[in-house]
């Protein structure tokens, strides 16, 4: 069952990336951290795979919503 969950998560991730690109949002990646977490560069900001999937679930791929979230991510402590 774990393999099917992983496959569904990959499909959701591809859908999210394509949706962002369709809205004209520049997305680069994925890059893998040493911990195994995938990260993406979105408008000069680094977000994790989980954050990207959360954005998709919440339907926040509009440019205005995304800018608010990216600002929040930039301001969090490293």
N, C-alpha and C. Protein backbone atom coordinates (compact mmCIF):
# COMPACT_ATOMS: atom_id res chain seq x y z
N UNK A 1 0.81 -1.19 0.00
CA UNK A 1 0.00 0.00 0.00
C UNK A 1 0.86 1.27 0.00
N UNK A 2 2.04 1.17 0.58
CA UNK A 2 2.91 2.33 0.65
C UNK A 2 3.35 2.77 -0.74
N UNK A 3 3.57 1.82 -1.63
CA UNK A 3 4.00 2.16 -3.00
C UNK A 3 2.90 2.94 -3.72
N UNK A 4 1.65 2.54 -3.54
CA UNK A 4 0.55 3.26 -4.19
C UNK A 4 0.42 4.67 -3.64
N UNK A 5 0.63 4.83 -2.34
CA UNK A 5 0.59 6.17 -1.75
C UNK A 5 1.69 7.05 -2.29
N UNK A 6 2.86 6.47 -2.46
CA UNK A 6 3.99 7.21 -3.02
C UNK A 6 3.71 7.61 -4.46
N UNK A 7 3.13 6.70 -5.22
CA UNK A 7 2.79 6.98 -6.62
C UNK A 7 1.75 8.10 -6.71
N UNK A 8 0.74 8.06 -5.85
CA UNK A 8 -0.28 9.11 -5.85
C UNK A 8 0.31 10.45 -5.46
N UNK A 9 1.25 10.44 -4.51
CA UNK A 9 1.88 11.69 -4.09
C UNK A 9 2.70 12.27 -5.24
N UNK A 10 3.40 11.44 -5.99
CA UNK A 10 4.17 11.92 -7.14
C UNK A 10 3.25 12.52 -8.19
N UNK A 11 2.11 11.87 -8.43
CA UNK A 11 1.15 12.39 -9.40
C UNK A 11 0.61 13.74 -8.94
N UNK A 12 0.28 13.86 -7.65
CA UNK A 12 -0.19 15.14 -7.10
C UNK A 12 0.88 16.22 -7.24
N UNK A 13 2.13 15.83 -7.02
CA UNK A 13 3.23 16.78 -7.12
C UNK A 13 3.39 17.27 -8.56
N UNK A 14 3.34 16.35 -9.52
CA UNK A 14 3.44 16.76 -10.93
C UNK A 14 2.30 17.67 -11.32
N UNK A 15 1.10 17.38 -10.84
CA UNK A 15 -0.07 18.22 -11.12
C UNK A 15 0.13 19.61 -10.54
N UNK A 16 0.64 19.68 -9.31
CA UNK A 16 0.87 20.98 -8.66
C UNK A 16 1.90 21.80 -9.43
N UNK A 17 2.99 21.16 -9.82
CA UNK A 17 4.03 21.87 -10.57
C UNK A 17 3.50 22.38 -11.90
N UNK A 18 2.75 21.55 -12.60
CA UNK A 18 2.20 21.97 -13.88
C UNK A 18 1.21 23.12 -13.72
N UNK A 19 0.42 23.07 -12.67
CA UNK A 19 -0.53 24.13 -12.40
C UNK A 19 0.19 25.46 -12.15
N UNK A 20 1.26 25.42 -11.38
CA UNK A 20 2.03 26.64 -11.11
C UNK A 20 2.63 27.18 -12.40
N UNK A 21 3.17 26.30 -13.20
CA UNK A 21 3.77 26.73 -14.47
C UNK A 21 2.71 27.31 -15.41
N UNK A 22 1.52 26.74 -15.38
CA UNK A 22 0.43 27.27 -16.21
C UNK A 22 0.04 28.67 -15.78
N UNK A 23 0.22 29.01 -14.50
CA UNK A 23 -0.09 30.34 -14.00
C UNK A 23 1.08 31.30 -14.21
N UNK A 24 2.14 30.84 -14.86
CA UNK A 24 3.28 31.71 -15.14
C UNK A 24 4.24 31.85 -13.98
N UNK A 25 4.19 30.93 -13.03
CA UNK A 25 5.07 30.97 -11.87
C UNK A 25 6.29 30.10 -12.17
N UNK A 26 7.47 30.69 -12.06
CA UNK A 26 8.70 29.98 -12.35
C UNK A 26 9.01 29.00 -11.23
N UNK A 27 9.13 27.71 -11.59
CA UNK A 27 9.45 26.65 -10.63
C UNK A 27 10.66 25.90 -11.15
N UNK A 28 11.64 25.72 -10.29
CA UNK A 28 12.84 24.99 -10.65
C UNK A 28 13.05 23.87 -9.64
N UNK A 29 13.45 22.72 -10.11
CA UNK A 29 13.70 21.61 -9.20
C UNK A 29 13.01 20.37 -9.73
N UNK A 30 12.98 19.33 -9.01
CA UNK A 30 13.25 19.19 -7.59
C UNK A 30 14.73 18.97 -7.30
N UNK A 31 15.11 19.35 -6.11
CA UNK A 31 16.43 19.08 -5.58
C UNK A 31 16.21 18.27 -4.31
N UNK A 32 17.11 17.35 -4.04
CA UNK A 32 16.97 16.51 -2.85
C UNK A 32 17.97 16.96 -1.79
N UNK A 33 17.47 17.21 -0.58
CA UNK A 33 18.34 17.52 0.55
C UNK A 33 18.97 16.23 1.07
N UNK A 34 19.95 16.37 1.91
CA UNK A 34 20.59 15.19 2.51
C UNK A 34 19.61 14.35 3.31
N UNK A 35 18.59 14.99 3.84
CA UNK A 35 17.59 14.28 4.63
C UNK A 35 16.62 13.49 3.76
N UNK A 36 16.69 13.69 2.43
CA UNK A 36 15.80 12.99 1.52
C UNK A 36 14.59 13.81 1.12
N UNK A 37 14.44 14.99 1.69
CA UNK A 37 13.32 15.87 1.38
C UNK A 37 13.54 16.54 0.03
N UNK A 38 12.51 16.56 -0.79
CA UNK A 38 12.59 17.27 -2.05
C UNK A 38 12.25 18.74 -1.82
N UNK A 39 13.01 19.63 -2.44
CA UNK A 39 12.74 21.07 -2.36
C UNK A 39 12.70 21.63 -3.78
N UNK A 40 12.00 22.76 -3.90
CA UNK A 40 11.83 23.42 -5.19
C UNK A 40 12.13 24.90 -5.01
N UNK A 41 12.66 25.50 -6.06
CA UNK A 41 12.88 26.93 -6.09
C UNK A 41 11.69 27.56 -6.79
N UNK A 42 10.95 28.40 -6.04
CA UNK A 42 9.77 29.06 -6.57
C UNK A 42 9.94 30.55 -6.36
N UNK A 43 10.07 31.28 -7.46
CA UNK A 43 10.23 32.74 -7.40
C UNK A 43 11.30 33.15 -6.38
N UNK A 44 12.49 32.60 -6.51
CA UNK A 44 13.65 32.87 -5.65
C UNK A 44 13.40 32.53 -4.19
N UNK A 45 12.57 31.56 -3.93
CA UNK A 45 12.27 31.09 -2.58
C UNK A 45 12.30 29.56 -2.62
N UNK A 46 12.78 28.93 -1.58
CA UNK A 46 12.86 27.47 -1.53
C UNK A 46 11.69 26.95 -0.70
N UNK A 47 10.90 26.04 -1.29
CA UNK A 47 9.80 25.42 -0.56
C UNK A 47 9.95 23.91 -0.67
N UNK A 48 9.43 23.22 0.34
CA UNK A 48 9.53 21.77 0.37
C UNK A 48 8.38 21.14 -0.41
N UNK A 49 8.54 19.87 -0.66
CA UNK A 49 7.51 19.11 -1.36
C UNK A 49 6.19 19.15 -0.58
N UNK A 50 6.26 19.01 0.74
CA UNK A 50 5.05 19.04 1.56
C UNK A 50 4.34 20.39 1.49
N UNK A 51 5.12 21.48 1.49
CA UNK A 51 4.53 22.81 1.38
C UNK A 51 3.85 22.99 0.03
N UNK A 52 4.48 22.48 -1.00
CA UNK A 52 3.91 22.57 -2.35
C UNK A 52 2.60 21.80 -2.45
N UNK A 53 2.57 20.61 -1.88
CA UNK A 53 1.34 19.81 -1.90
C UNK A 53 0.24 20.47 -1.06
N UNK A 54 0.64 21.11 0.04
CA UNK A 54 -0.35 21.81 0.87
C UNK A 54 -0.96 22.98 0.10
N UNK A 55 -0.14 23.70 -0.64
CA UNK A 55 -0.64 24.80 -1.47
C UNK A 55 -1.66 24.29 -2.48
N UNK A 56 -1.37 23.15 -3.07
CA UNK A 56 -2.29 22.59 -4.05
C UNK A 56 -3.62 22.20 -3.39
N UNK A 57 -3.55 21.53 -2.24
CA UNK A 57 -4.78 21.12 -1.55
C UNK A 57 -5.64 22.32 -1.17
N UNK A 58 -4.99 23.41 -0.78
CA UNK A 58 -5.71 24.61 -0.37
C UNK A 58 -6.10 25.49 -1.55
N UNK A 59 -5.68 25.13 -2.75
CA UNK A 59 -6.04 25.89 -3.94
C UNK A 59 -5.42 27.27 -3.98
N UNK A 60 -4.19 27.40 -3.52
CA UNK A 60 -3.54 28.71 -3.44
C UNK A 60 -2.48 28.89 -4.51
N UNK A 61 -2.83 28.57 -5.74
CA UNK A 61 -1.89 28.73 -6.83
C UNK A 61 -2.12 30.01 -7.63
N UNK A 62 -2.98 30.87 -7.19
CA UNK A 62 -3.13 32.16 -7.83
C UNK A 62 -1.93 33.02 -7.44
N UNK A 63 -1.54 33.91 -8.30
CA UNK A 63 -0.33 34.71 -8.09
C UNK A 63 -0.38 35.49 -6.78
N UNK A 64 -1.52 36.08 -6.45
CA UNK A 64 -1.64 36.88 -5.23
C UNK A 64 -1.46 36.02 -3.99
N UNK A 65 -2.15 34.87 -3.96
CA UNK A 65 -2.04 33.96 -2.82
C UNK A 65 -0.62 33.44 -2.68
N UNK A 66 -0.01 33.10 -3.79
CA UNK A 66 1.33 32.55 -3.75
C UNK A 66 2.34 33.58 -3.26
N UNK A 67 2.21 34.83 -3.66
CA UNK A 67 3.13 35.86 -3.19
C UNK A 67 3.05 36.03 -1.68
N UNK A 68 1.85 35.97 -1.11
CA UNK A 68 1.69 36.06 0.34
C UNK A 68 2.40 34.91 1.04
N UNK A 69 2.25 33.72 0.50
CA UNK A 69 2.86 32.54 1.11
C UNK A 69 4.38 32.59 0.98
N UNK A 70 4.87 33.01 -0.18
CA UNK A 70 6.32 33.11 -0.37
C UNK A 70 6.93 34.15 0.56
N UNK A 71 6.24 35.25 0.78
CA UNK A 71 6.72 36.26 1.71
C UNK A 71 6.80 35.68 3.12
N UNK A 72 5.79 34.91 3.50
CA UNK A 72 5.79 34.26 4.81
C UNK A 72 6.95 33.28 4.94
N UNK A 73 7.22 32.53 3.89
CA UNK A 73 8.32 31.56 3.93
C UNK A 73 9.67 32.27 4.00
N UNK A 74 9.83 33.36 3.27
CA UNK A 74 11.10 34.11 3.32
C UNK A 74 11.37 34.68 4.69
N UNK A 75 10.32 35.06 5.42
CA UNK A 75 10.49 35.71 6.71
C UNK A 75 10.65 34.74 7.87
N UNK A 76 10.48 33.44 7.64
CA UNK A 76 10.63 32.49 8.74
C UNK A 76 12.11 32.28 9.03
N UNK A 77 12.43 31.94 10.27
CA UNK A 77 13.84 31.74 10.63
C UNK A 77 14.42 30.51 9.91
N UNK A 78 15.68 30.58 9.59
CA UNK A 78 16.34 29.49 8.84
C UNK A 78 16.68 28.32 9.71
